[in-house]
PDB file of N, CA and C in Angstrom:
ATOM      1  N   MET A   1     -32.991 -25.074   5.702  1.00  0.00           N
ATOM      2  CA  MET A   1     -31.856 -24.822   6.593  1.00  0.00           C
ATOM      3  C   MET A   1     -31.449 -23.367   6.472  1.00  0.00           C
ATOM      4  N   GLY A   2     -31.158 -22.775   7.607  1.00  0.00           N
ATOM      5  CA  GLY A   2     -30.723 -21.384   7.619  1.00  0.00           C
ATOM      6  C   GLY A   2     -29.263 -21.276   7.926  1.00  0.00           C
ATOM      7  N   ALA A   3     -28.811 -20.072   8.032  1.00  0.00           N
ATOM      8  CA  ALA A   3     -27.397 -19.800   8.296  1.00  0.00           C
ATOM      9  C   ALA A   3     -26.971 -20.335   9.663  1.00  0.00           C
ATOM     10  N   THR A   4     -27.901 -20.465  10.597  1.00  0.00           N
ATOM     11  CA  THR A   4     -27.532 -20.964  11.934  1.00  0.00           C
ATOM     12  C   THR A   4     -27.244 -22.459  11.924  1.00  0.00           C
ATOM     13  N   ASP A   5     -27.597 -23.158  10.832  1.00  0.00           N
ATOM     14  CA  ASP A   5     -27.338 -24.575  10.735  1.00  0.00           C
ATOM     15  C   ASP A   5     -25.917 -24.925  10.299  1.00  0.00           C
ATOM     16  N   TYR A   6     -25.096 -23.917  10.052  1.00  0.00           N
ATOM     17  CA  TYR A   6     -23.740 -24.123   9.581  1.00  0.00           C
ATOM     18  C   TYR A   6     -22.758 -23.499  10.561  1.00  0.00           C
ATOM     19  N   LEU A   7     -21.637 -24.155  10.754  1.00  0.00           N
ATOM     20  CA  LEU A   7     -20.591 -23.606  11.592  1.00  0.00           C
ATOM     21  C   LEU A   7     -19.764 -22.628  10.774  1.00  0.00           C
ATOM     22  N   VAL A   8     -19.613 -21.428  11.264  1.00  0.00           N
ATOM     23  CA  VAL A   8     -18.883 -20.391  10.555  1.00  0.00           C
ATOM     24  C   VAL A   8     -17.620 -20.077  11.346  1.00  0.00           C
ATOM     25  N   LYS A   9     -16.463 -20.190  10.662  1.00  0.00           N
ATOM     26  CA  LYS A   9     -15.188 -19.899  11.316  1.00  0.00           C
ATOM     27  C   LYS A   9     -14.425 -18.883  10.483  1.00  0.00           C
ATOM     28  N   PRO A  10     -13.658 -18.023  11.141  1.00  0.00           N
ATOM     29  CA  PRO A  10     -12.833 -17.106  10.354  1.00  0.00           C
ATOM     30  C   PRO A  10     -11.745 -17.859   9.609  1.00  0.00           C
ATOM     31  N   VAL A  11     -11.378 -17.392   8.444  1.00  0.00           N
ATOM     32  CA  VAL A  11     -10.355 -18.040   7.627  1.00  0.00           C
ATOM     33  C   VAL A  11      -9.174 -17.086   7.479  1.00  0.00           C
ATOM     34  N   ARG A  12      -7.989 -17.595   7.711  1.00  0.00           N
ATOM     35  CA  ARG A  12      -6.793 -16.800   7.518  1.00  0.00           C
ATOM     36  C   ARG A  12      -6.268 -17.075   6.118  1.00  0.00           C
ATOM     37  N   LEU A  13      -6.300 -16.073   5.261  1.00  0.00           N
ATOM     38  CA  LEU A  13      -5.913 -16.253   3.864  1.00  0.00           C
ATOM     39  C   LEU A  13      -4.464 -16.677   3.708  1.00  0.00           C
ATOM     40  N   GLN A  14      -3.593 -16.216   4.583  1.00  0.00           N
ATOM     41  CA  GLN A  14      -2.187 -16.594   4.466  1.00  0.00           C
ATOM     42  C   GLN A  14      -1.997 -18.087   4.693  1.00  0.00           C
ATOM     43  N   GLU A  15      -2.792 -18.670   5.607  1.00  0.00           N
ATOM     44  CA  GLU A  15      -2.675 -20.098   5.856  1.00  0.00           C
ATOM     45  C   GLU A  15      -3.243 -20.923   4.727  1.00  0.00           C
ATOM     46  N   CYS A  16      -4.077 -20.322   3.895  1.00  0.00           N
ATOM     47  CA  CYS A  16      -4.695 -21.029   2.781  1.00  0.00           C
ATOM     48  C   CYS A  16      -3.980 -20.735   1.446  1.00  0.00           C
ATOM     49  N   LYS A  17      -2.785 -20.217   1.521  1.00  0.00           N
ATOM     50  CA  LYS A  17      -2.061 -19.797   0.332  1.00  0.00           C
ATOM     51  C   LYS A  17      -1.946 -20.899  -0.701  1.00  0.00           C
ATOM     52  N   GLY A  18      -1.635 -22.114  -0.270  1.00  0.00           N
ATOM     53  CA  GLY A  18      -1.458 -23.219  -1.218  1.00  0.00           C
ATOM     54  C   GLY A  18      -2.756 -23.942  -1.574  1.00  0.00           C
ATOM     55  N   LEU A  19      -3.871 -23.464  -1.063  1.00  0.00           N
ATOM     56  CA  LEU A  19      -5.146 -24.148  -1.293  1.00  0.00           C
ATOM     57  C   LEU A  19      -5.501 -24.221  -2.781  1.00  0.00           C
ATOM     58  N   SER A  20      -5.296 -23.156  -3.500  1.00  0.00           N
ATOM     59  CA  SER A  20      -5.691 -23.133  -4.895  1.00  0.00           C
ATOM     60  C   SER A  20      -4.888 -24.101  -5.738  1.00  0.00           C
ATOM     61  N   THR A  21      -3.653 -24.406  -5.339  1.00  0.00           N
ATOM     62  CA  THR A  21      -2.872 -25.356  -6.098  1.00  0.00           C
ATOM     63  C   THR A  21      -3.219 -26.806  -5.752  1.00  0.00           C
ATOM     64  N   LYS A  22      -3.754 -27.033  -4.544  1.00  0.00           N
ATOM     65  CA  LYS A  22      -4.143 -28.374  -4.117  1.00  0.00           C
ATOM     66  C   LYS A  22      -5.514 -28.758  -4.582  1.00  0.00           C
ATOM     67  N   MET A  23      -6.381 -27.789  -4.768  1.00  0.00           N
ATOM     68  CA  MET A  23      -7.738 -28.104  -5.181  1.00  0.00           C
ATOM     69  C   MET A  23      -7.898 -27.834  -6.680  1.00  0.00           C
ATOM     70  N   LYS A  24      -8.704 -28.624  -7.308  1.00  0.00           N
ATOM     71  CA  LYS A  24      -8.976 -28.440  -8.735  1.00  0.00           C
ATOM     72  C   LYS A  24      -9.762 -27.148  -8.921  1.00  0.00           C
ATOM     73  N   LYS A  25      -9.297 -26.298  -9.812  1.00  0.00           N
ATOM     74  CA  LYS A  25     -10.004 -25.033 -10.080  1.00  0.00           C
ATOM     75  C   LYS A  25     -11.314 -25.333 -10.769  1.00  0.00           C
ATOM     76  N   ARG A  26     -12.329 -24.589 -10.373  1.00  0.00           N
ATOM     77  CA  ARG A  26     -13.655 -24.746 -10.928  1.00  0.00           C
ATOM     78  C   ARG A  26     -13.673 -24.237 -12.365  1.00  0.00           C
ATOM     79  N   GLU A  27     -14.227 -24.982 -13.236  1.00  0.00           N
ATOM     80  CA  GLU A  27     -14.344 -24.549 -14.634  1.00  0.00           C
ATOM     81  C   GLU A  27     -15.477 -23.548 -14.764  1.00  0.00           C
ATOM     82  N   MET A  28     -15.196 -22.452 -15.389  1.00  0.00           N
ATOM     83  CA  MET A  28     -16.210 -21.438 -15.604  1.00  0.00           C
ATOM     84  C   MET A  28     -16.954 -21.734 -16.910  1.00  0.00           C
ATOM     85  N   PRO A  29     -18.238 -21.477 -16.952  1.00  0.00           N
ATOM     86  CA  PRO A  29     -18.976 -21.735 -18.183  1.00  0.00           C
ATOM     87  C   PRO A  29     -18.481 -20.831 -19.295  1.00  0.00           C
ATOM     88  N   SER A  30     -18.400 -21.405 -20.499  1.00  0.00           N
ATOM     89  CA  SER A  30     -17.931 -20.593 -21.632  1.00  0.00           C
ATOM     90  C   SER A  30     -18.984 -19.587 -22.010  1.00  0.00           C
ATOM     91  N   ARG A  31     -18.531 -18.434 -22.423  1.00  0.00           N
ATOM     92  CA  ARG A  31     -19.433 -17.328 -22.762  1.00  0.00           C
ATOM     93  C   ARG A  31     -19.100 -16.880 -24.180  1.00  0.00           C
ATOM     94  N   GLU A  32     -19.984 -16.087 -24.723  1.00  0.00           N
ATOM     95  CA  GLU A  32     -19.746 -15.544 -26.048  1.00  0.00           C
ATOM     96  C   GLU A  32     -18.448 -14.745 -26.071  1.00  0.00           C
ATOM     97  N   THR A  33     -17.715 -14.883 -27.133  1.00  0.00           N
ATOM     98  CA  THR A  33     -16.533 -14.033 -27.281  1.00  0.00           C
ATOM     99  C   THR A  33     -16.990 -12.687 -27.804  1.00  0.00           C
ATOM    100  N   THR A  34     -16.436 -11.660 -27.245  1.00  0.00           N
ATOM    101  CA  THR A  34     -16.857 -10.311 -27.622  1.00  0.00           C
ATOM    102  C   THR A  34     -15.693  -9.350 -27.443  1.00  0.00           C
ATOM    103  N   GLN A  35     -15.821  -8.154 -27.939  1.00  0.00           N
ATOM    104  CA  GLN A  35     -14.784  -7.146 -27.787  1.00  0.00           C
ATOM    105  C   GLN A  35     -14.796  -6.526 -26.397  1.00  0.00           C
ATOM    106  N   LEU A  36     -15.902  -6.661 -25.694  1.00  0.00           N
ATOM    107  CA  LEU A  36     -16.027  -6.071 -24.371  1.00  0.00           C
ATOM    108  C   LEU A  36     -15.156  -6.835 -23.364  1.00  0.00           C
ATOM    109  N   GLN A  37     -14.441  -6.080 -22.530  1.00  0.00           N
ATOM    110  CA  GLN A  37     -13.605  -6.694 -21.505  1.00  0.00           C
ATOM    111  C   GLN A  37     -13.768  -5.948 -20.192  1.00  0.00           C
ATOM    112  N   GLY A  38     -13.534  -6.677 -19.092  1.00  0.00           N
ATOM    113  CA  GLY A  38     -13.569  -6.077 -17.771  1.00  0.00           C
ATOM    114  C   GLY A  38     -14.940  -5.451 -17.441  1.00  0.00           C
ATOM    115  N   LEU A  39     -14.933  -4.293 -16.864  1.00  0.00           N
ATOM    116  CA  LEU A  39     -16.133  -3.610 -16.430  1.00  0.00           C
ATOM    117  C   LEU A  39     -17.045  -3.196 -17.572  1.00  0.00           C
ATOM    118  N   ALA A  40     -16.470  -3.102 -18.785  1.00  0.00           N
ATOM    119  CA  ALA A  40     -17.274  -2.716 -19.948  1.00  0.00           C
ATOM    120  C   ALA A  40     -18.342  -3.736 -20.286  1.00  0.00           C
ATOM    121  N   LYS A  41     -18.212  -4.969 -19.783  1.00  0.00           N
ATOM    122  CA  LYS A  41     -19.207  -6.009 -20.043  1.00  0.00           C
ATOM    123  C   LYS A  41     -20.445  -5.866 -19.179  1.00  0.00           C
ATOM    124  N   TYR A  42     -20.418  -4.928 -18.214  1.00  0.00           N
ATOM    125  CA  TYR A  42     -21.490  -4.799 -17.257  1.00  0.00           C
ATOM    126  C   TYR A  42     -22.007  -3.371 -17.209  1.00  0.00           C
ATOM    127  N   GLU A  43     -23.290  -3.208 -16.831  1.00  0.00           N
ATOM    128  CA  GLU A  43     -23.828  -1.886 -16.611  1.00  0.00           C
ATOM    129  C   GLU A  43     -24.368  -1.811 -15.169  1.00  0.00           C
ATOM    130  N   PHE A  44     -24.074  -0.701 -14.523  1.00  0.00           N
ATOM    131  CA  PHE A  44     -24.426  -0.469 -13.124  1.00  0.00           C
ATOM    132  C   PHE A  44     -25.923  -0.430 -12.949  1.00  0.00           C
ATOM    133  N   GLU A  45     -26.435  -1.070 -11.861  1.00  0.00           N
ATOM    134  CA  GLU A  45     -27.852  -1.001 -11.548  1.00  0.00           C
ATOM    135  C   GLU A  45     -28.090  -0.260 -10.238  1.00  0.00           C
ATOM    136  N   LYS A  46     -27.510  -0.797  -9.111  1.00  0.00           N
ATOM    137  CA  LYS A  46     -27.709  -0.164  -7.826  1.00  0.00           C
ATOM    138  C   LYS A  46     -26.646  -0.606  -6.842  1.00  0.00           C
ATOM    139  N   PRO A  47     -26.349   0.229  -5.844  1.00  0.00           N
ATOM    140  CA  PRO A  47     -25.380  -0.183  -4.808  1.00  0.00           C
ATOM    141  C   PRO A  47     -26.044  -1.132  -3.802  1.00  0.00           C
ATOM    142  N   ILE A  48     -25.216  -2.022  -3.230  1.00  0.00           N
ATOM    143  CA  ILE A  48     -25.731  -2.928  -2.182  1.00  0.00           C
ATOM    144  C   ILE A  48     -25.219  -2.509  -0.833  1.00  0.00           C
ATOM    145  N   GLY A  49     -23.879  -2.300  -0.734  1.00  0.00           N
ATOM    146  CA  GLY A  49     -23.304  -1.956   0.570  1.00  0.00           C
ATOM    147  C   GLY A  49     -21.896  -1.462   0.435  1.00  0.00           C
ATOM    148  N   GLN A  50     -21.343  -1.000   1.524  1.00  0.00           N
ATOM    149  CA  GLN A  50     -20.024  -0.421   1.542  1.00  0.00           C
ATOM    150  C   GLN A  50     -19.316  -0.806   2.821  1.00  0.00           C
ATOM    151  N   GLY A  51     -18.012  -1.077   2.720  1.00  0.00           N
ATOM    152  CA  GLY A  51     -17.221  -1.407   3.891  1.00  0.00           C
ATOM    153  C   GLY A  51     -15.845  -0.786   3.770  1.00  0.00           C
ATOM    154  N   THR A  52     -14.934  -1.163   4.689  1.00  0.00           N
ATOM    155  CA  THR A  52     -13.599  -0.594   4.652  1.00  0.00           C
ATOM    156  C   THR A  52     -12.797  -1.100   3.467  1.00  0.00           C
ATOM    157  N   ALA A  53     -13.095  -2.324   2.988  1.00  0.00           N
ATOM    158  CA  ALA A  53     -12.340  -2.911   1.879  1.00  0.00           C
ATOM    159  C   ALA A  53     -12.830  -2.434   0.528  1.00  0.00           C
ATOM    160  N   GLY A  54     -14.071  -2.019   0.423  1.00  0.00           N
ATOM    161  CA  GLY A  54     -14.592  -1.606  -0.874  1.00  0.00           C
ATOM    162  C   GLY A  54     -16.096  -1.518  -0.859  1.00  0.00           C
ATOM    163  N   THR A  55     -16.697  -1.481  -2.053  1.00  0.00           N
ATOM    164  CA  THR A  55     -18.153  -1.390  -2.175  1.00  0.00           C
ATOM    165  C   THR A  55     -18.650  -2.560  -3.031  1.00  0.00           C
ATOM    166  N   VAL A  56     -19.884  -2.958  -2.792  1.00  0.00           N
ATOM    167  CA  VAL A  56     -20.523  -4.015  -3.545  1.00  0.00           C
ATOM    168  C   VAL A  56     -21.758  -3.412  -4.188  1.00  0.00           C
ATOM    169  N   SER A  57     -21.899  -3.670  -5.496  1.00  0.00           N
ATOM    170  CA  SER A  57     -23.038  -3.143  -6.265  1.00  0.00           C
ATOM    171  C   SER A  57     -23.592  -4.218  -7.171  1.00  0.00           C
ATOM    172  N   VAL A  58     -24.823  -4.018  -7.607  1.00  0.00           N
ATOM    173  CA  VAL A  58     -25.454  -4.923  -8.589  1.00  0.00           C
ATOM    174  C   VAL A  58     -25.168  -4.376  -9.974  1.00  0.00           C
ATOM    175  N   TYR A  59     -24.667  -5.252 -10.829  1.00  0.00           N
ATOM    176  CA  TYR A  59     -24.426  -4.914 -12.217  1.00  0.00           C
ATOM    177  C   TYR A  59     -25.144  -5.931 -13.091  1.00  0.00           C
ATOM    178  N   ARG A  60     -25.623  -5.490 -14.263  1.00  0.00           N
ATOM    179  CA  ARG A  60     -26.272  -6.388 -15.221  1.00  0.00           C
ATOM    180  C   ARG A  60     -25.293  -6.657 -16.384  1.00  0.00           C
ATOM    181  N   SER A  61     -25.154  -7.917 -16.725  1.00  0.00           N
ATOM    182  CA  SER A  61     -24.260  -8.290 -17.815  1.00  0.00           C
ATOM    183  C   SER A  61     -24.854  -7.880 -19.169  1.00  0.00           C
ATOM    184  N   LYS A  62     -24.046  -7.274 -20.003  1.00  0.00           N
ATOM    185  CA  LYS A  62     -24.494  -6.911 -21.344  1.00  0.00           C
ATOM    186  C   LYS A  62     -24.519  -8.140 -22.252  1.00  0.00           C
ATOM    187  N   LEU A  63     -23.824  -9.216 -21.873  1.00  0.00           N
ATOM    188  CA  LEU A  63     -23.776 -10.430 -22.686  1.00  0.00           C
ATOM    189  C   LEU A  63     -24.983 -11.331 -22.479  1.00  0.00           C
ATOM    190  N   ASP A  64     -25.338 -11.604 -21.212  1.00  0.00           N
ATOM    191  CA  ASP A  64     -26.420 -12.545 -20.952  1.00  0.00           C
ATOM    192  C   ASP A  64     -27.615 -11.958 -20.217  1.00  0.00           C
ATOM    193  N   GLY A  65     -27.516 -10.697 -19.768  1.00  0.00           N
ATOM    194  CA  GLY A  65     -28.626 -10.026 -19.088  1.00  0.00           C
ATOM    195  C   GLY A  65     -28.808 -10.419 -17.636  1.00  0.00           C
ATOM    196  N   ASN A  66     -27.963 -11.295 -17.105  1.00  0.00           N
ATOM    197  CA  ASN A  66     -28.056 -11.711 -15.708  1.00  0.00           C
ATOM    198  C   ASN A  66     -27.491 -10.634 -14.798  1.00  0.00           C
ATOM    199  N   LYS A  67     -27.964 -10.633 -13.551  1.00  0.00           N
ATOM    200  CA  LYS A  67     -27.467  -9.694 -12.562  1.00  0.00           C
ATOM    201  C   LYS A  67     -26.352 -10.343 -11.743  1.00  0.00           C
ATOM    202  N   TYR A  68     -25.329  -9.559 -11.423  1.00  0.00           N
ATOM    203  CA  TYR A  68     -24.191 -10.018 -10.658  1.00  0.00           C
ATOM    204  C   TYR A  68     -23.828  -9.005  -9.587  1.00  0.00           C
ATOM    205  N   ALA A  69     -23.360  -9.497  -8.444  1.00  0.00           N
ATOM    206  CA  ALA A  69     -22.830  -8.625  -7.410  1.00  0.00           C
ATOM    207  C   ALA A  69     -21.353  -8.416  -7.716  1.00  0.00           C
ATOM    208  N   LEU A  70     -20.909  -7.172  -7.782  1.00  0.00           N
ATOM    209  CA  LEU A  70     -19.548  -6.838  -8.134  1.00  0.00           C
ATOM    210  C   LEU A  70     -18.898  -6.086  -6.979  1.00  0.00           C
ATOM    211  N   LYS A  71     -17.787  -6.622  -6.496  1.00  0.00           N
ATOM    212  CA  LYS A  71     -17.075  -5.990  -5.378  1.00  0.00           C
ATOM    213  C   LYS A  71     -15.947  -5.151  -5.974  1.00  0.00           C
ATOM    214  N   GLU A  72     -15.955  -3.872  -5.666  1.00  0.00           N
ATOM    215  CA  GLU A  72     -14.928  -2.967  -6.159  1.00  0.00           C
ATOM    216  C   GLU A  72     -13.995  -2.578  -5.009  1.00  0.00           C
ATOM    217  N   ILE A  73     -12.701  -2.761  -5.261  1.00  0.00           N
ATOM    218  CA  ILE A  73     -11.680  -2.414  -4.266  1.00  0.00           C
ATOM    219  C   ILE A  73     -10.734  -1.415  -4.913  1.00  0.00           C
ATOM    220  N   ASP A  74     -10.543  -0.275  -4.285  1.00  0.00           N
ATOM    221  CA  ASP A  74      -9.629   0.752  -4.780  1.00  0.00           C
ATOM    222  C   ASP A  74      -8.193   0.370  -4.379  1.00  0.00           C
ATOM    223  N   LEU A  75      -7.370  -0.010  -5.353  1.00  0.00           N
ATOM    224  CA  LEU A  75      -6.012  -0.431  -5.095  1.00  0.00           C
ATOM    225  C   LEU A  75      -4.999   0.719  -5.138  1.00  0.00           C
ATOM    226  N   THR A  76      -5.464   1.908  -5.464  1.00  0.00           N
ATOM    227  CA  THR A  76      -4.596   3.056  -5.675  1.00  0.00           C
ATOM    228  C   THR A  76      -3.665   3.329  -4.504  1.00  0.00           C
ATOM    229  N   PHE A  77      -4.174   3.359  -3.320  1.00  0.00           N
ATOM    230  CA  PHE A  77      -3.373   3.747  -2.160  1.00  0.00           C
ATOM    231  C   PHE A  77      -2.952   2.554  -1.294  1.00  0.00           C
ATOM    232  N   MET A  78      -3.140   1.360  -1.778  1.00  0.00           N
ATOM    233  CA  MET A  78      -2.777   0.167  -1.014  1.00  0.00           C
ATOM    234  C   MET A  78      -1.304  -0.130  -1.101  1.00  0.00           C
ATOM    235  N   GLN A  79      -0.758  -0.669  -0.020  1.00  0.00           N
ATOM    236  CA  GLN A  79       0.626  -1.126  -0.039  1.00  0.00           C
ATOM    237  C   GLN A  79       0.693  -2.432  -0.817  1.00  0.00           C
ATOM    238  N   GLU A  80       1.892  -2.816  -1.222  1.00  0.00           N
ATOM    239  CA  GLU A  80       2.068  -4.061  -2.015  1.00  0.00           C
ATOM    240  C   GLU A  80       1.566  -5.272  -1.249  1.00  0.00           C
ATOM    241  N   LYS A  81       1.770  -5.313   0.055  1.00  0.00           N
ATOM    242  CA  LYS A  81       1.335  -6.439   0.874  1.00  0.00           C
ATOM    243  C   LYS A  81      -0.195  -6.572   0.809  1.00  0.00           C
ATOM    244  N   ASP A  82      -0.883  -5.438   0.893  1.00  0.00           N
ATOM    245  CA  ASP A  82      -2.347  -5.456   0.859  1.00  0.00           C
ATOM    246  C   ASP A  82      -2.866  -5.861  -0.517  1.00  0.00           C
ATOM    247  N   LYS A  83      -2.169  -5.420  -1.590  1.00  0.00           N
ATOM    248  CA  LYS A  83      -2.552  -5.832  -2.935  1.00  0.00           C
ATOM    249  C   LYS A  83      -2.391  -7.320  -3.122  1.00  0.00           C
ATOM    250  N   LYS A  84      -1.315  -7.867  -2.559  1.00  0.00           N
ATOM    251  CA  LYS A  84      -1.079  -9.310  -2.636  1.00  0.00           C
ATOM    252  C   LYS A  84      -2.153 -10.069  -1.884  1.00  0.00           C
ATOM    253  N   ASN A  85      -2.549  -9.563  -0.709  1.00  0.00           N
ATOM    254  CA  ASN A  85      -3.625 -10.177   0.058  1.00  0.00           C
ATOM    255  C   ASN A  85      -4.952 -10.173  -0.709  1.00  0.00           C
ATOM    256  N   ALA A  86      -5.232  -9.082  -1.400  1.00  0.00           N
ATOM    257  CA  ALA A  86      -6.459  -8.999  -2.186  1.00  0.00           C
ATOM    258  C   ALA A  86      -6.431 -10.029  -3.326  1.00  0.00           C
ATOM    259  N   ASN A  87      -5.263 -10.195  -3.936  1.00  0.00           N
ATOM    260  CA  ASN A  87      -5.121 -11.181  -4.999  1.00  0.00           C
ATOM    261  C   ASN A  87      -5.254 -12.602  -4.440  1.00  0.00           C
ATOM    262  N   ASN A  88      -4.722 -12.843  -3.244  1.00  0.00           N
ATOM    263  CA  ASN A  88      -4.873 -14.144  -2.603  1.00  0.00           C
ATOM    264  C   ASN A  88      -6.347 -14.446  -2.314  1.00  0.00           C
ATOM    265  N   GLU A  89      -7.093 -13.418  -1.912  1.00  0.00           N
ATOM    266  CA  GLU A  89      -8.524 -13.589  -1.652  1.00  0.00           C
ATOM    267  C   GLU A  89      -9.244 -14.031  -2.936  1.00  0.00           C
ATOM    268  N   VAL A  90      -8.878 -13.427  -4.051  1.00  0.00           N
ATOM    269  CA  VAL A  90      -9.499 -13.792  -5.317  1.00  0.00           C
ATOM    270  C   VAL A  90      -9.196 -15.247  -5.659  1.00  0.00           C
ATOM    271  N   GLN A  91      -7.935 -15.656  -5.500  1.00  0.00           N
ATOM    272  CA  GLN A  91      -7.558 -17.037  -5.756  1.00  0.00           C
ATOM    273  C   GLN A  91      -8.304 -18.007  -4.854  1.00  0.00           C
ATOM    274  N   PHE A  92      -8.503 -17.616  -3.607  1.00  0.00           N
ATOM    275  CA  PHE A  92      -9.226 -18.437  -2.653  1.00  0.00           C
ATOM    276  C   PHE A  92     -10.698 -18.545  -3.020  1.00  0.00           C
ATOM    277  N   LEU A  93     -11.314 -17.442  -3.450  1.00  0.00           N
ATOM    278  CA  LEU A  93     -12.725 -17.457  -3.823  1.00  0.00           C
ATOM    279  C   LEU A  93     -12.989 -18.321  -5.052  1.00  0.00           C
ATOM    280  N   ARG A  94     -11.994 -18.457  -5.929  1.00  0.00           N
ATOM    281  CA  ARG A  94     -12.147 -19.262  -7.138  1.00  0.00           C
ATOM    282  C   ARG A  94     -12.435 -20.734  -6.807  1.00  0.00           C
ATOM    283  N   VAL A  95     -11.886 -21.237  -5.725  1.00  0.00           N
ATOM    284  CA  VAL A  95     -12.020 -22.680  -5.417  1.00  0.00           C
ATOM    285  C   VAL A  95     -13.107 -22.990  -4.397  1.00  0.00           C
ATOM    286  N   LEU A  96     -13.691 -21.989  -3.758  1.00  0.00           N
ATOM    287  CA  LEU A  96     -14.715 -22.248  -2.765  1.00  0.00           C
ATOM    288  C   LEU A  96     -16.038 -22.678  -3.393  1.00  0.00           C
ATOM    289  N   LYS A  97     -16.659 -23.694  -2.817  1.00  0.00           N
ATOM    290  CA  LYS A  97     -17.964 -24.139  -3.252  1.00  0.00           C
ATOM    291  C   LYS A  97     -18.771 -24.470  -2.015  1.00  0.00           C
ATOM    292  N   GLY A  98     -20.071 -24.304  -2.092  1.00  0.00           N
ATOM    293  CA  GLY A  98     -20.920 -24.655  -0.955  1.00  0.00           C
ATOM    294  C   GLY A  98     -22.315 -24.101  -1.122  1.00  0.00           C
ATOM    295  N   PRO A  99     -23.261 -24.619  -0.345  1.00  0.00           N
ATOM    296  CA  PRO A  99     -24.656 -24.184  -0.473  1.00  0.00           C
ATOM    297  C   PRO A  99     -24.881 -22.758  -0.004  1.00  0.00           C
ATOM    298  N   THR A 100     -24.000 -22.214   0.850  1.00  0.00           N
ATOM    299  CA  THR A 100     -24.202 -20.856   1.357  1.00  0.00           C
ATOM    300  C   THR A 100     -23.136 -19.898   0.864  1.00  0.00           C
ATOM    301  N   ILE A 101     -22.381 -20.305  -0.186  1.00  0.00           N
ATOM    302  CA  ILE A 101     -21.307 -19.477  -0.711  1.00  0.00           C
ATOM    303  C   ILE A 101     -21.721 -18.950  -2.071  1.00  0.00           C
ATOM    304  N   VAL A 102     -21.574 -17.650  -2.268  1.00  0.00           N
ATOM    305  CA  VAL A 102     -21.895 -17.025  -3.555  1.00  0.00           C
ATOM    306  C   VAL A 102     -20.878 -17.481  -4.583  1.00  0.00           C
ATOM    307  N   THR A 103     -21.316 -17.846  -5.789  1.00  0.00           N
ATOM    308  CA  THR A 103     -20.435 -18.328  -6.838  1.00  0.00           C
ATOM    309  C   THR A 103     -19.574 -17.213  -7.378  1.00  0.00           C
ATOM    310  N   PHE A 104     -18.286 -17.523  -7.531  1.00  0.00           N
ATOM    311  CA  PHE A 104     -17.318 -16.565  -8.080  1.00  0.00           C
ATOM    312  C   PHE A 104     -17.280 -16.781  -9.594  1.00  0.00           C
ATOM    313  N   TYR A 105     -17.312 -15.685 -10.382  1.00  0.00           N
ATOM    314  CA  TYR A 105     -17.279 -15.808 -11.829  1.00  0.00           C
ATOM    315  C   TYR A 105     -15.991 -15.307 -12.443  1.00  0.00           C
ATOM    316  N   GLU A 106     -15.557 -14.117 -12.125  1.00  0.00           N
ATOM    317  CA  GLU A 106     -14.333 -13.569 -12.725  1.00  0.00           C
ATOM    318  C   GLU A 106     -13.816 -12.395 -11.915  1.00  0.00           C
ATOM    319  N   SER A 107     -12.562 -12.047 -12.193  1.00  0.00           N
ATOM    320  CA  SER A 107     -11.972 -10.863 -11.579  1.00  0.00           C
ATOM    321  C   SER A 107     -11.184 -10.110 -12.641  1.00  0.00           C
ATOM    322  N   PHE A 108     -11.016  -8.832 -12.444  1.00  0.00           N
ATOM    323  CA  PHE A 108     -10.255  -8.003 -13.383  1.00  0.00           C
ATOM    324  C   PHE A 108      -9.819  -6.743 -12.683  1.00  0.00           C
ATOM    325  N   THR A 109      -8.782  -6.097 -13.210  1.00  0.00           N
ATOM    326  CA  THR A 109      -8.315  -4.812 -12.690  1.00  0.00           C
ATOM    327  C   THR A 109      -8.372  -3.761 -13.766  1.00  0.00           C
TER     328      THR A 109
END
């Protein structure tokens, strides 16, 4: 099955605000405890793409050696409303599951 076999609709994050409280949050697999936190747990490999919201790059985990796509968003010049929307997107991505949806692992600032 390809992407054309699924109906794709735009999602309004504001309308899904209560979704994360209604759906059971996905349990993340436990990982080794280490002193490394945030971006320090990963090493940059290559860029994938860039858009108005940020850039996506491939990073390799220093803990397990797996490759992950990491979306970087510069919050420096964002208004509070936009920062809240970005946080809502993260909460929304935590609960999404599906055969064509990339798995969400963690977020940090």
